[in-house]
Amino acid sequence: MCKENNTSNKFIRPRFDIGEIFRNNQDLLPNLTNEERKIVNALINCKTDMLGGTKIRCKCCGHEEIIYKSCRNRHCPKCNYSRKEKWIIERTKELLPIKYFHVVFTIPDILNTIALSNKKAIYDIFFKSVKETLLESSRNPSNLGAEIGVISCLHTWGQNLMIHPHIHCIVTGGGLREED
């Protein structure tokens, strides 16, 4: 603890991180594509001596610490935390003062391996299907009869780190319609 400004340079770190989990269980990973292997290696090496670091020293107490470099991989929870928070703040500025709903669409499990080998085609079809489903349903006069707003985001993995393509949608609780 630095006596001059009475702050600590120590961060509270989680007991485990994704890099450590991958490091300790590499032999359990399925056959990965080159792209997936690069991602796993980035997560394993993130904020470790493998990527290098910078030594910093507190001017008031002389405490030295090494700050290791980030992998900057978009899949890395350590690197993307601040970007995610910034994205949330930016999206919050766009919100209207209305209710919103969280809607999730999932690809049937039987299509998972097809999605892995045909990502662009499958995910393009998936996004288009989700959009058309939401818009057609909201435009139906027996439902809302209006044009809704949607923000959607593709997740390709589940919490168990298995392939599980699904799209999260934030949908407006109302919409615009032409007056008769």
N, C-alpha and C. Protein backbone atom coordinates (compact mmCIF):
# COMPACT_ATOMS: atom_id res chain seq x y z
N MET A 1 0.85 -1.19 0.00
CA MET A 1 0.00 0.00 0.00
C MET A 1 0.89 1.24 0.00
N CYS A 2 0.56 2.18 -0.82
CA CYS A 2 1.32 3.42 -0.91
C CYS A 2 0.86 4.35 0.21
N LYS A 3 1.80 4.80 1.02
CA LYS A 3 1.44 5.64 2.17
C LYS A 3 1.02 7.04 1.74
N GLU A 4 1.61 7.55 0.64
CA GLU A 4 1.33 8.92 0.24
C GLU A 4 -0.11 9.15 -0.17
N ASN A 5 -0.64 8.27 -1.01
CA ASN A 5 -2.04 8.47 -1.45
C ASN A 5 -2.97 7.42 -0.87
N ASN A 6 -2.46 6.57 0.00
CA ASN A 6 -3.26 5.59 0.72
C ASN A 6 -4.09 4.70 -0.21
N THR A 7 -3.50 4.28 -1.32
CA THR A 7 -4.18 3.37 -2.23
C THR A 7 -3.32 2.14 -2.42
N SER A 8 -3.94 1.09 -2.84
CA SER A 8 -3.23 -0.15 -3.11
C SER A 8 -3.14 -0.37 -4.61
N ASN A 9 -1.99 -0.90 -5.04
CA ASN A 9 -1.81 -1.21 -6.46
C ASN A 9 -2.33 -2.59 -6.80
N LYS A 10 -2.81 -3.31 -5.83
CA LYS A 10 -3.26 -4.68 -6.05
C LYS A 10 -4.70 -4.70 -6.54
N PHE A 11 -4.96 -5.55 -7.53
CA PHE A 11 -6.30 -5.75 -8.03
C PHE A 11 -6.82 -7.05 -7.43
N ILE A 12 -8.12 -7.10 -7.23
CA ILE A 12 -8.73 -8.35 -6.80
C ILE A 12 -8.94 -9.18 -8.05
N ARG A 13 -8.27 -10.30 -8.13
CA ARG A 13 -8.35 -11.14 -9.32
C ARG A 13 -9.25 -12.33 -9.03
N PRO A 14 -9.98 -12.78 -10.04
CA PRO A 14 -10.81 -13.98 -9.82
C PRO A 14 -9.92 -15.18 -9.54
N ARG A 15 -10.48 -16.15 -8.88
CA ARG A 15 -9.70 -17.33 -8.51
C ARG A 15 -9.17 -18.07 -9.75
N PHE A 16 -9.99 -18.14 -10.80
CA PHE A 16 -9.59 -18.77 -12.05
C PHE A 16 -9.92 -17.83 -13.20
N ASP A 17 -9.21 -17.96 -14.29
CA ASP A 17 -9.60 -17.24 -15.50
C ASP A 17 -9.61 -18.22 -16.66
N ILE A 18 -10.18 -17.79 -17.77
CA ILE A 18 -10.37 -18.69 -18.90
C ILE A 18 -9.03 -19.21 -19.43
N GLY A 19 -8.00 -18.37 -19.41
CA GLY A 19 -6.67 -18.81 -19.86
C GLY A 19 -6.14 -19.95 -19.01
N GLU A 20 -6.33 -19.83 -17.71
CA GLU A 20 -5.86 -20.87 -16.79
C GLU A 20 -6.65 -22.16 -17.00
N ILE A 21 -7.95 -22.03 -17.22
CA ILE A 21 -8.78 -23.21 -17.46
C ILE A 21 -8.31 -23.93 -18.72
N PHE A 22 -8.07 -23.18 -19.80
CA PHE A 22 -7.57 -23.79 -21.04
C PHE A 22 -6.18 -24.39 -20.82
N ARG A 23 -5.31 -23.67 -20.12
CA ARG A 23 -3.94 -24.15 -19.87
C ARG A 23 -3.98 -25.49 -19.14
N ASN A 24 -4.84 -25.61 -18.16
CA ASN A 24 -4.90 -26.82 -17.34
C ASN A 24 -5.67 -27.97 -17.99
N ASN A 25 -6.36 -27.69 -19.09
CA ASN A 25 -7.21 -28.72 -19.70
C ASN A 25 -7.00 -28.86 -21.20
N GLN A 26 -5.81 -28.50 -21.68
CA GLN A 26 -5.56 -28.55 -23.12
C GLN A 26 -5.77 -29.95 -23.71
N ASP A 27 -5.43 -30.95 -22.94
CA ASP A 27 -5.57 -32.33 -23.45
C ASP A 27 -7.03 -32.75 -23.60
N LEU A 28 -7.95 -32.01 -22.99
CA LEU A 28 -9.37 -32.35 -23.08
C LEU A 28 -10.08 -31.62 -24.23
N LEU A 29 -9.37 -30.68 -24.86
CA LEU A 29 -9.99 -29.93 -25.94
C LEU A 29 -10.19 -30.82 -27.16
N PRO A 30 -11.31 -30.63 -27.85
CA PRO A 30 -11.54 -31.42 -29.07
C PRO A 30 -10.59 -30.97 -30.17
N ASN A 31 -10.64 -31.62 -31.31
CA ASN A 31 -9.84 -31.18 -32.44
C ASN A 31 -10.30 -29.78 -32.83
N LEU A 32 -9.38 -28.83 -32.77
CA LEU A 32 -9.72 -27.45 -33.07
C LEU A 32 -9.23 -27.07 -34.45
N THR A 33 -9.94 -26.15 -35.08
CA THR A 33 -9.48 -25.60 -36.35
C THR A 33 -8.28 -24.70 -36.04
N ASN A 34 -7.55 -24.30 -37.06
CA ASN A 34 -6.42 -23.39 -36.86
C ASN A 34 -6.88 -22.09 -36.22
N GLU A 35 -8.03 -21.58 -36.67
CA GLU A 35 -8.57 -20.34 -36.12
C GLU A 35 -8.89 -20.50 -34.63
N GLU A 36 -9.53 -21.61 -34.29
CA GLU A 36 -9.87 -21.86 -32.88
C GLU A 36 -8.62 -22.05 -32.03
N ARG A 37 -7.62 -22.73 -32.57
CA ARG A 37 -6.35 -22.94 -31.85
C ARG A 37 -5.67 -21.59 -31.57
N LYS A 38 -5.71 -20.67 -32.55
CA LYS A 38 -5.13 -19.33 -32.35
C LYS A 38 -5.85 -18.59 -31.21
N ILE A 39 -7.16 -18.72 -31.18
CA ILE A 39 -7.95 -18.07 -30.12
C ILE A 39 -7.58 -18.65 -28.75
N VAL A 40 -7.55 -19.97 -28.65
CA VAL A 40 -7.21 -20.63 -27.39
C VAL A 40 -5.81 -20.22 -26.94
N ASN A 41 -4.85 -20.19 -27.86
CA ASN A 41 -3.48 -19.79 -27.51
C ASN A 41 -3.44 -18.34 -27.04
N ALA A 42 -4.21 -17.47 -27.69
CA ALA A 42 -4.26 -16.07 -27.25
C ALA A 42 -4.79 -15.99 -25.82
N LEU A 43 -5.86 -16.73 -25.52
CA LEU A 43 -6.44 -16.71 -24.18
C LEU A 43 -5.48 -17.29 -23.14
N ILE A 44 -4.76 -18.32 -23.54
CA ILE A 44 -3.79 -18.95 -22.63
C ILE A 44 -2.66 -17.98 -22.29
N ASN A 45 -2.20 -17.22 -23.29
CA ASN A 45 -1.04 -16.35 -23.11
C ASN A 45 -1.37 -14.95 -22.62
N CYS A 46 -2.64 -14.56 -22.64
CA CYS A 46 -3.03 -13.21 -22.28
C CYS A 46 -2.60 -12.85 -20.86
N LYS A 47 -1.98 -11.69 -20.76
CA LYS A 47 -1.52 -11.14 -19.47
C LYS A 47 -0.59 -12.11 -18.74
N THR A 48 0.27 -12.78 -19.52
CA THR A 48 1.31 -13.63 -18.94
C THR A 48 2.65 -13.17 -19.49
N ASP A 49 3.72 -13.72 -18.97
CA ASP A 49 5.05 -13.36 -19.45
C ASP A 49 5.29 -13.77 -20.90
N MET A 50 4.43 -14.66 -21.44
CA MET A 50 4.57 -15.09 -22.84
C MET A 50 4.41 -13.92 -23.81
N LEU A 51 3.64 -12.91 -23.44
CA LEU A 51 3.42 -11.75 -24.32
C LEU A 51 4.28 -10.56 -23.91
N GLY A 52 5.07 -10.72 -22.87
CA GLY A 52 5.91 -9.62 -22.41
C GLY A 52 5.15 -8.71 -21.47
N GLY A 53 5.85 -7.75 -20.92
CA GLY A 53 5.21 -6.85 -19.98
C GLY A 53 6.04 -5.61 -19.74
N THR A 54 5.53 -4.76 -18.88
CA THR A 54 6.19 -3.51 -18.52
C THR A 54 6.31 -3.45 -17.01
N LYS A 55 7.54 -3.13 -16.54
CA LYS A 55 7.74 -2.99 -15.10
C LYS A 55 7.38 -1.57 -14.70
N ILE A 56 6.53 -1.45 -13.69
CA ILE A 56 6.17 -0.13 -13.17
C ILE A 56 6.61 -0.04 -11.71
N ARG A 57 6.86 1.18 -11.28
CA ARG A 57 7.30 1.40 -9.90
C ARG A 57 6.54 2.59 -9.33
N CYS A 58 6.03 2.42 -8.13
CA CYS A 58 5.33 3.49 -7.43
C CYS A 58 6.35 4.55 -7.02
N LYS A 59 6.08 5.80 -7.38
CA LYS A 59 7.02 6.89 -7.07
C LYS A 59 7.11 7.18 -5.58
N CYS A 60 6.04 6.90 -4.85
CA CYS A 60 6.08 7.26 -3.42
C CYS A 60 6.62 6.14 -2.52
N CYS A 61 6.38 4.88 -2.86
CA CYS A 61 6.84 3.81 -1.96
C CYS A 61 7.87 2.89 -2.60
N GLY A 62 8.08 3.01 -3.92
CA GLY A 62 9.09 2.18 -4.59
C GLY A 62 8.64 0.78 -4.95
N HIS A 63 7.40 0.41 -4.64
CA HIS A 63 6.89 -0.92 -4.98
C HIS A 63 6.96 -1.12 -6.49
N GLU A 64 7.48 -2.29 -6.90
CA GLU A 64 7.56 -2.60 -8.33
C GLU A 64 6.60 -3.73 -8.67
N GLU A 65 6.06 -3.63 -9.86
CA GLU A 65 5.12 -4.64 -10.33
C GLU A 65 5.25 -4.74 -11.85
N ILE A 66 5.01 -5.93 -12.39
CA ILE A 66 5.02 -6.11 -13.84
C ILE A 66 3.58 -6.18 -14.32
N ILE A 67 3.29 -5.36 -15.32
CA ILE A 67 1.97 -5.38 -15.96
C ILE A 67 2.16 -6.09 -17.29
N TYR A 68 1.56 -7.27 -17.42
CA TYR A 68 1.73 -8.07 -18.63
C TYR A 68 0.80 -7.60 -19.73
N LYS A 69 1.24 -7.77 -20.97
CA LYS A 69 0.49 -7.32 -22.13
C LYS A 69 -0.73 -8.21 -22.38
N SER A 70 -1.74 -7.59 -22.97
CA SER A 70 -2.98 -8.28 -23.32
C SER A 70 -2.87 -8.88 -24.71
N CYS A 71 -3.66 -9.92 -24.96
CA CYS A 71 -3.68 -10.56 -26.27
C CYS A 71 -4.49 -9.75 -27.28
N ARG A 72 -5.41 -8.94 -26.81
CA ARG A 72 -6.28 -8.09 -27.62
C ARG A 72 -7.17 -8.89 -28.57
N ASN A 73 -7.38 -10.15 -28.24
CA ASN A 73 -8.25 -10.99 -29.05
C ASN A 73 -9.71 -10.66 -28.71
N ARG A 74 -10.55 -10.56 -29.72
CA ARG A 74 -11.94 -10.16 -29.47
C ARG A 74 -12.71 -11.18 -28.64
N HIS A 75 -12.21 -12.41 -28.54
CA HIS A 75 -12.88 -13.45 -27.76
C HIS A 75 -12.46 -13.45 -26.29
N CYS A 76 -11.45 -12.67 -25.95
CA CYS A 76 -10.87 -12.71 -24.61
C CYS A 76 -11.67 -11.87 -23.62
N PRO A 77 -12.17 -12.49 -22.55
CA PRO A 77 -12.94 -11.73 -21.57
C PRO A 77 -12.08 -10.70 -20.82
N LYS A 78 -10.77 -10.97 -20.66
CA LYS A 78 -9.91 -10.00 -19.98
C LYS A 78 -9.71 -8.75 -20.82
N CYS A 79 -9.53 -8.94 -22.11
CA CYS A 79 -9.26 -7.82 -23.01
C CYS A 79 -10.52 -7.06 -23.39
N ASN A 80 -11.62 -7.75 -23.48
CA ASN A 80 -12.83 -7.13 -23.99
C ASN A 80 -13.74 -6.55 -22.92
N TYR A 81 -13.37 -6.66 -21.66
CA TYR A 81 -14.24 -6.14 -20.61
C TYR A 81 -14.50 -4.65 -20.80
N SER A 82 -13.45 -3.86 -20.97
CA SER A 82 -13.64 -2.41 -21.10
C SER A 82 -14.35 -2.06 -22.40
N ARG A 83 -14.04 -2.80 -23.49
CA ARG A 83 -14.74 -2.56 -24.75
C ARG A 83 -16.22 -2.90 -24.63
N LYS A 84 -16.52 -3.99 -23.89
CA LYS A 84 -17.91 -4.38 -23.68
C LYS A 84 -18.64 -3.30 -22.89
N GLU A 85 -18.01 -2.81 -21.83
CA GLU A 85 -18.63 -1.78 -21.00
C GLU A 85 -18.87 -0.51 -21.82
N LYS A 86 -17.91 -0.14 -22.66
CA LYS A 86 -18.06 1.04 -23.51
C LYS A 86 -19.22 0.83 -24.49
N TRP A 87 -19.31 -0.38 -25.07
CA TRP A 87 -20.38 -0.69 -26.00
C TRP A 87 -21.74 -0.56 -25.30
N ILE A 88 -21.83 -1.07 -24.08
CA ILE A 88 -23.09 -0.99 -23.32
C ILE A 88 -23.47 0.47 -23.07
N ILE A 89 -22.50 1.29 -22.68
CA ILE A 89 -22.77 2.71 -22.44
C ILE A 89 -23.26 3.39 -23.71
N GLU A 90 -22.61 3.11 -24.84
CA GLU A 90 -23.02 3.70 -26.12
C GLU A 90 -24.42 3.24 -26.50
N ARG A 91 -24.74 1.96 -26.31
CA ARG A 91 -26.08 1.48 -26.65
C ARG A 91 -27.12 2.08 -25.71
N THR A 92 -26.78 2.28 -24.45
CA THR A 92 -27.71 2.86 -23.48
C THR A 92 -28.13 4.26 -23.91
N LYS A 93 -27.20 5.01 -24.52
CA LYS A 93 -27.51 6.36 -24.99
C LYS A 93 -28.56 6.33 -26.11
N GLU A 94 -28.68 5.22 -26.80
CA GLU A 94 -29.61 5.09 -27.92
C GLU A 94 -31.01 4.66 -27.49
N LEU A 95 -31.16 4.27 -26.22
CA LEU A 95 -32.44 3.73 -25.77
C LEU A 95 -33.52 4.80 -25.69
N LEU A 96 -34.71 4.39 -26.03
CA LEU A 96 -35.88 5.24 -25.88
C LEU A 96 -36.47 4.99 -24.49
N PRO A 97 -37.24 5.92 -23.97
CA PRO A 97 -37.83 5.72 -22.63
C PRO A 97 -39.06 4.80 -22.68
N ILE A 98 -38.82 3.54 -23.09
CA ILE A 98 -39.88 2.55 -23.20
C ILE A 98 -39.39 1.23 -22.64
N LYS A 99 -40.30 0.24 -22.59
CA LYS A 99 -39.92 -1.11 -22.18
C LYS A 99 -39.16 -1.80 -23.30
N TYR A 100 -38.26 -2.70 -22.91
CA TYR A 100 -37.53 -3.53 -23.87
C TYR A 100 -37.66 -4.98 -23.43
N PHE A 101 -37.53 -5.88 -24.39
CA PHE A 101 -37.59 -7.31 -24.11
C PHE A 101 -36.34 -7.99 -24.63
N HIS A 102 -35.90 -9.00 -23.92
CA HIS A 102 -34.75 -9.82 -24.32
C HIS A 102 -35.31 -11.09 -24.95
N VAL A 103 -34.97 -11.31 -26.22
CA VAL A 103 -35.46 -12.47 -26.96
C VAL A 103 -34.24 -13.23 -27.49
N VAL A 104 -34.24 -14.55 -27.35
CA VAL A 104 -33.11 -15.36 -27.80
C VAL A 104 -33.60 -16.40 -28.81
N PHE A 105 -32.90 -16.50 -29.92
CA PHE A 105 -33.16 -17.50 -30.95
C PHE A 105 -31.96 -18.44 -31.00
N THR A 106 -32.22 -19.74 -31.12
CA THR A 106 -31.15 -20.74 -31.12
C THR A 106 -31.27 -21.64 -32.34
N ILE A 107 -30.11 -21.96 -32.91
CA ILE A 107 -30.07 -22.92 -34.01
C ILE A 107 -30.26 -24.32 -33.41
N PRO A 108 -31.05 -25.18 -34.05
CA PRO A 108 -31.18 -26.55 -33.55
C PRO A 108 -29.82 -27.25 -33.49
N ASP A 109 -29.59 -28.02 -32.44
CA ASP A 109 -28.30 -28.71 -32.23
C ASP A 109 -27.83 -29.49 -33.45
N ILE A 110 -28.76 -30.06 -34.18
CA ILE A 110 -28.40 -30.90 -35.32
C ILE A 110 -27.65 -30.10 -36.40
N LEU A 111 -27.79 -28.76 -36.39
CA LEU A 111 -27.12 -27.91 -37.37
C LEU A 111 -25.78 -27.36 -36.89
N ASN A 112 -25.38 -27.68 -35.68
CA ASN A 112 -24.15 -27.11 -35.12
C ASN A 112 -22.92 -27.40 -35.96
N THR A 113 -22.74 -28.65 -36.37
CA THR A 113 -21.53 -28.98 -37.16
C THR A 113 -21.58 -28.33 -38.53
N ILE A 114 -22.78 -28.19 -39.10
CA ILE A 114 -22.91 -27.49 -40.38
C ILE A 114 -22.54 -26.02 -40.19
N ALA A 115 -22.99 -25.43 -39.09
CA ALA A 115 -22.67 -24.04 -38.81
C ALA A 115 -21.16 -23.84 -38.66
N LEU A 116 -20.48 -24.79 -38.02
CA LEU A 116 -19.03 -24.67 -37.84
C LEU A 116 -18.28 -24.67 -39.17
N SER A 117 -18.76 -25.46 -40.12
CA SER A 117 -18.03 -25.56 -41.39
C SER A 117 -18.53 -24.58 -42.45
N ASN A 118 -19.63 -23.89 -42.19
CA ASN A 118 -20.20 -22.92 -43.14
C ASN A 118 -20.66 -21.67 -42.40
N LYS A 119 -19.77 -21.10 -41.60
CA LYS A 119 -20.15 -20.02 -40.69
C LYS A 119 -20.85 -18.85 -41.38
N LYS A 120 -20.23 -18.28 -42.39
CA LYS A 120 -20.81 -17.09 -43.01
C LYS A 120 -22.20 -17.37 -43.56
N ALA A 121 -22.35 -18.44 -44.32
CA ALA A 121 -23.64 -18.75 -44.93
C ALA A 121 -24.71 -19.01 -43.86
N ILE A 122 -24.39 -19.85 -42.89
CA ILE A 122 -25.37 -20.21 -41.86
C ILE A 122 -25.73 -19.01 -41.00
N TYR A 123 -24.73 -18.24 -40.57
CA TYR A 123 -25.02 -17.10 -39.69
C TYR A 123 -25.75 -15.99 -40.44
N ASP A 124 -25.46 -15.80 -41.72
CA ASP A 124 -26.22 -14.83 -42.51
C ASP A 124 -27.69 -15.24 -42.59
N ILE A 125 -27.93 -16.52 -42.87
CA ILE A 125 -29.31 -17.04 -42.93
C ILE A 125 -29.98 -16.90 -41.56
N PHE A 126 -29.23 -17.21 -40.52
CA PHE A 126 -29.76 -17.14 -39.15
C PHE A 126 -30.20 -15.71 -38.82
N PHE A 127 -29.32 -14.72 -39.07
CA PHE A 127 -29.67 -13.32 -38.79
C PHE A 127 -30.89 -12.89 -39.61
N LYS A 128 -30.92 -13.26 -40.88
CA LYS A 128 -32.04 -12.88 -41.74
C LYS A 128 -33.34 -13.50 -41.23
N SER A 129 -33.29 -14.75 -40.81
CA SER A 129 -34.48 -15.44 -40.29
C SER A 129 -34.98 -14.78 -39.01
N VAL A 130 -34.07 -14.43 -38.12
CA VAL A 130 -34.46 -13.78 -36.87
C VAL A 130 -35.11 -12.43 -37.17
N LYS A 131 -34.48 -11.66 -38.03
CA LYS A 131 -35.02 -10.34 -38.40
C LYS A 131 -36.41 -10.47 -39.00
N GLU A 132 -36.56 -11.36 -39.98
CA GLU A 132 -37.85 -11.52 -40.65
C GLU A 132 -38.93 -12.02 -39.68
N THR A 133 -38.55 -12.91 -38.78
CA THR A 133 -39.51 -13.42 -37.79
C THR A 133 -40.01 -12.31 -36.87
N LEU A 134 -39.08 -11.52 -36.35
CA LEU A 134 -39.47 -10.44 -35.43
C LEU A 134 -40.31 -9.38 -36.14
N LEU A 135 -39.87 -8.97 -37.33
CA LEU A 135 -40.59 -7.91 -38.05
C LEU A 135 -41.97 -8.38 -38.52
N GLU A 136 -42.05 -9.58 -39.06
CA GLU A 136 -43.34 -10.10 -39.53
C GLU A 136 -44.32 -10.24 -38.36
N SER A 137 -43.83 -10.73 -37.23
CA SER A 137 -44.68 -10.90 -36.06
C SER A 137 -45.16 -9.55 -35.54
N SER A 138 -44.27 -8.57 -35.46
CA SER A 138 -44.66 -7.26 -34.92
C SER A 138 -45.57 -6.49 -35.86
N ARG A 139 -45.41 -6.69 -37.18
CA ARG A 139 -46.24 -5.98 -38.16
C ARG A 139 -47.66 -6.55 -38.23
N ASN A 140 -47.84 -7.77 -37.78
CA ASN A 140 -49.14 -8.42 -37.82
C ASN A 140 -50.13 -7.60 -36.97
N PRO A 141 -51.25 -7.14 -37.56
CA PRO A 141 -52.22 -6.33 -36.82
C PRO A 141 -52.81 -7.02 -35.59
N SER A 142 -52.83 -8.35 -35.59
CA SER A 142 -53.37 -9.04 -34.41
C SER A 142 -52.34 -9.10 -33.28
N ASN A 143 -51.11 -8.73 -33.57
CA ASN A 143 -50.09 -8.60 -32.51
C ASN A 143 -49.93 -7.12 -32.20
N LEU A 144 -48.86 -6.52 -32.66
CA LEU A 144 -48.60 -5.11 -32.38
C LEU A 144 -49.05 -4.22 -33.53
N GLY A 145 -48.89 -4.71 -34.75
CA GLY A 145 -49.25 -3.92 -35.92
C GLY A 145 -48.36 -2.71 -36.09
N ALA A 146 -47.08 -2.86 -35.77
CA ALA A 146 -46.16 -1.71 -35.83
C ALA A 146 -44.75 -2.17 -36.18
N GLU A 147 -43.94 -1.20 -36.50
CA GLU A 147 -42.52 -1.40 -36.83
C GLU A 147 -41.72 -1.31 -35.53
N ILE A 148 -41.04 -2.40 -35.15
CA ILE A 148 -40.28 -2.42 -33.90
C ILE A 148 -38.81 -2.07 -34.14
N GLY A 149 -38.09 -1.86 -33.07
CA GLY A 149 -36.64 -1.68 -33.12
C GLY A 149 -35.96 -2.89 -32.49
N VAL A 150 -34.81 -3.29 -33.07
CA VAL A 150 -34.10 -4.48 -32.59
C VAL A 150 -32.60 -4.25 -32.62
N ILE A 151 -31.92 -4.68 -31.59
CA ILE A 151 -30.46 -4.81 -31.58
C ILE A 151 -30.19 -6.29 -31.39
N SER A 152 -29.34 -6.88 -32.23
CA SER A 152 -29.08 -8.31 -32.10
C SER A 152 -27.59 -8.60 -32.07
N CYS A 153 -27.25 -9.70 -31.41
CA CYS A 153 -25.85 -10.08 -31.23
C CYS A 153 -25.74 -11.60 -31.28
N LEU A 154 -24.81 -12.09 -32.11
CA LEU A 154 -24.59 -13.52 -32.26
C LEU A 154 -23.61 -14.02 -31.21
N HIS A 155 -23.98 -15.08 -30.53
CA HIS A 155 -23.06 -15.83 -29.66
C HIS A 155 -22.93 -17.21 -30.27
N THR A 156 -21.72 -17.70 -30.39
CA THR A 156 -21.52 -19.00 -31.04
C THR A 156 -21.23 -20.12 -30.05
N TRP A 157 -20.95 -19.78 -28.79
CA TRP A 157 -20.63 -20.79 -27.78
C TRP A 157 -21.53 -20.62 -26.58
N GLY A 158 -21.80 -21.72 -25.91
CA GLY A 158 -22.58 -21.68 -24.68
C GLY A 158 -21.67 -21.50 -23.48
N GLN A 159 -22.24 -21.42 -22.31
CA GLN A 159 -21.46 -21.26 -21.08
C GLN A 159 -20.55 -22.45 -20.81
N ASN A 160 -20.91 -23.61 -21.36
CA ASN A 160 -20.08 -24.80 -21.17
C ASN A 160 -18.96 -24.89 -22.21
N LEU A 161 -18.78 -23.82 -23.00
CA LEU A 161 -17.74 -23.71 -24.03
C LEU A 161 -17.92 -24.73 -25.16
N MET A 162 -19.15 -25.17 -25.36
CA MET A 162 -19.48 -26.04 -26.48
C MET A 162 -20.18 -25.20 -27.53
N ILE A 163 -20.11 -25.64 -28.79
CA ILE A 163 -20.77 -24.91 -29.87
C ILE A 163 -22.27 -24.81 -29.59
N HIS A 164 -22.79 -23.59 -29.64
CA HIS A 164 -24.20 -23.34 -29.33
C HIS A 164 -24.59 -21.99 -29.95
N PRO A 165 -24.73 -21.94 -31.29
CA PRO A 165 -25.06 -20.66 -31.93
C PRO A 165 -26.44 -20.16 -31.51
N HIS A 166 -26.48 -18.92 -31.05
CA HIS A 166 -27.74 -18.30 -30.67
C HIS A 166 -27.62 -16.79 -30.83
N ILE A 167 -28.75 -16.16 -31.08
CA ILE A 167 -28.77 -14.70 -31.26
C ILE A 167 -29.60 -14.09 -30.15
N HIS A 168 -28.97 -13.14 -29.43
CA HIS A 168 -29.65 -12.37 -28.40
C HIS A 168 -30.21 -11.11 -29.07
N CYS A 169 -31.47 -10.80 -28.79
CA CYS A 169 -32.09 -9.61 -29.35
C CYS A 169 -32.67 -8.76 -28.22
N ILE A 170 -32.44 -7.47 -28.32
CA ILE A 170 -33.12 -6.51 -27.45
C ILE A 170 -34.17 -5.88 -28.36
N VAL A 171 -35.45 -6.05 -27.98
CA VAL A 171 -36.57 -5.66 -28.83
C VAL A 171 -37.39 -4.60 -28.11
N THR A 172 -37.75 -3.56 -28.84
CA THR A 172 -38.59 -2.51 -28.25
C THR A 172 -39.94 -3.07 -27.85
N GLY A 173 -40.49 -2.56 -26.76
CA GLY A 173 -41.78 -3.01 -26.27
C GLY A 173 -42.94 -2.31 -26.97
N GLY A 174 -42.66 -1.58 -27.99
CA GLY A 174 -43.67 -0.89 -28.78
C GLY A 174 -43.07 -0.60 -30.14
N GLY A 175 -43.82 0.10 -30.98
CA GLY A 175 -43.31 0.39 -32.31
C GLY A 175 -44.02 1.56 -32.95
N LEU A 176 -43.58 1.88 -34.16
CA LEU A 176 -44.16 2.98 -34.92
C LEU A 176 -45.14 2.40 -35.95
N ARG A 177 -46.23 3.10 -36.15
CA ARG A 177 -47.16 2.70 -37.20
C ARG A 177 -47.78 3.94 -37.80
N GLU A 178 -48.18 3.80 -39.05
CA GLU A 178 -48.82 4.90 -39.74
C GLU A 178 -50.23 5.08 -39.17
N GLU A 179 -50.59 6.32 -38.99
CA GLU A 179 -51.96 6.61 -38.53
C GLU A 179 -52.91 6.43 -39.70
N ASP A 180 -54.08 5.90 -39.43
CA ASP A 180 -55.08 5.69 -40.51
C ASP A 180 -55.63 6.99 -41.02
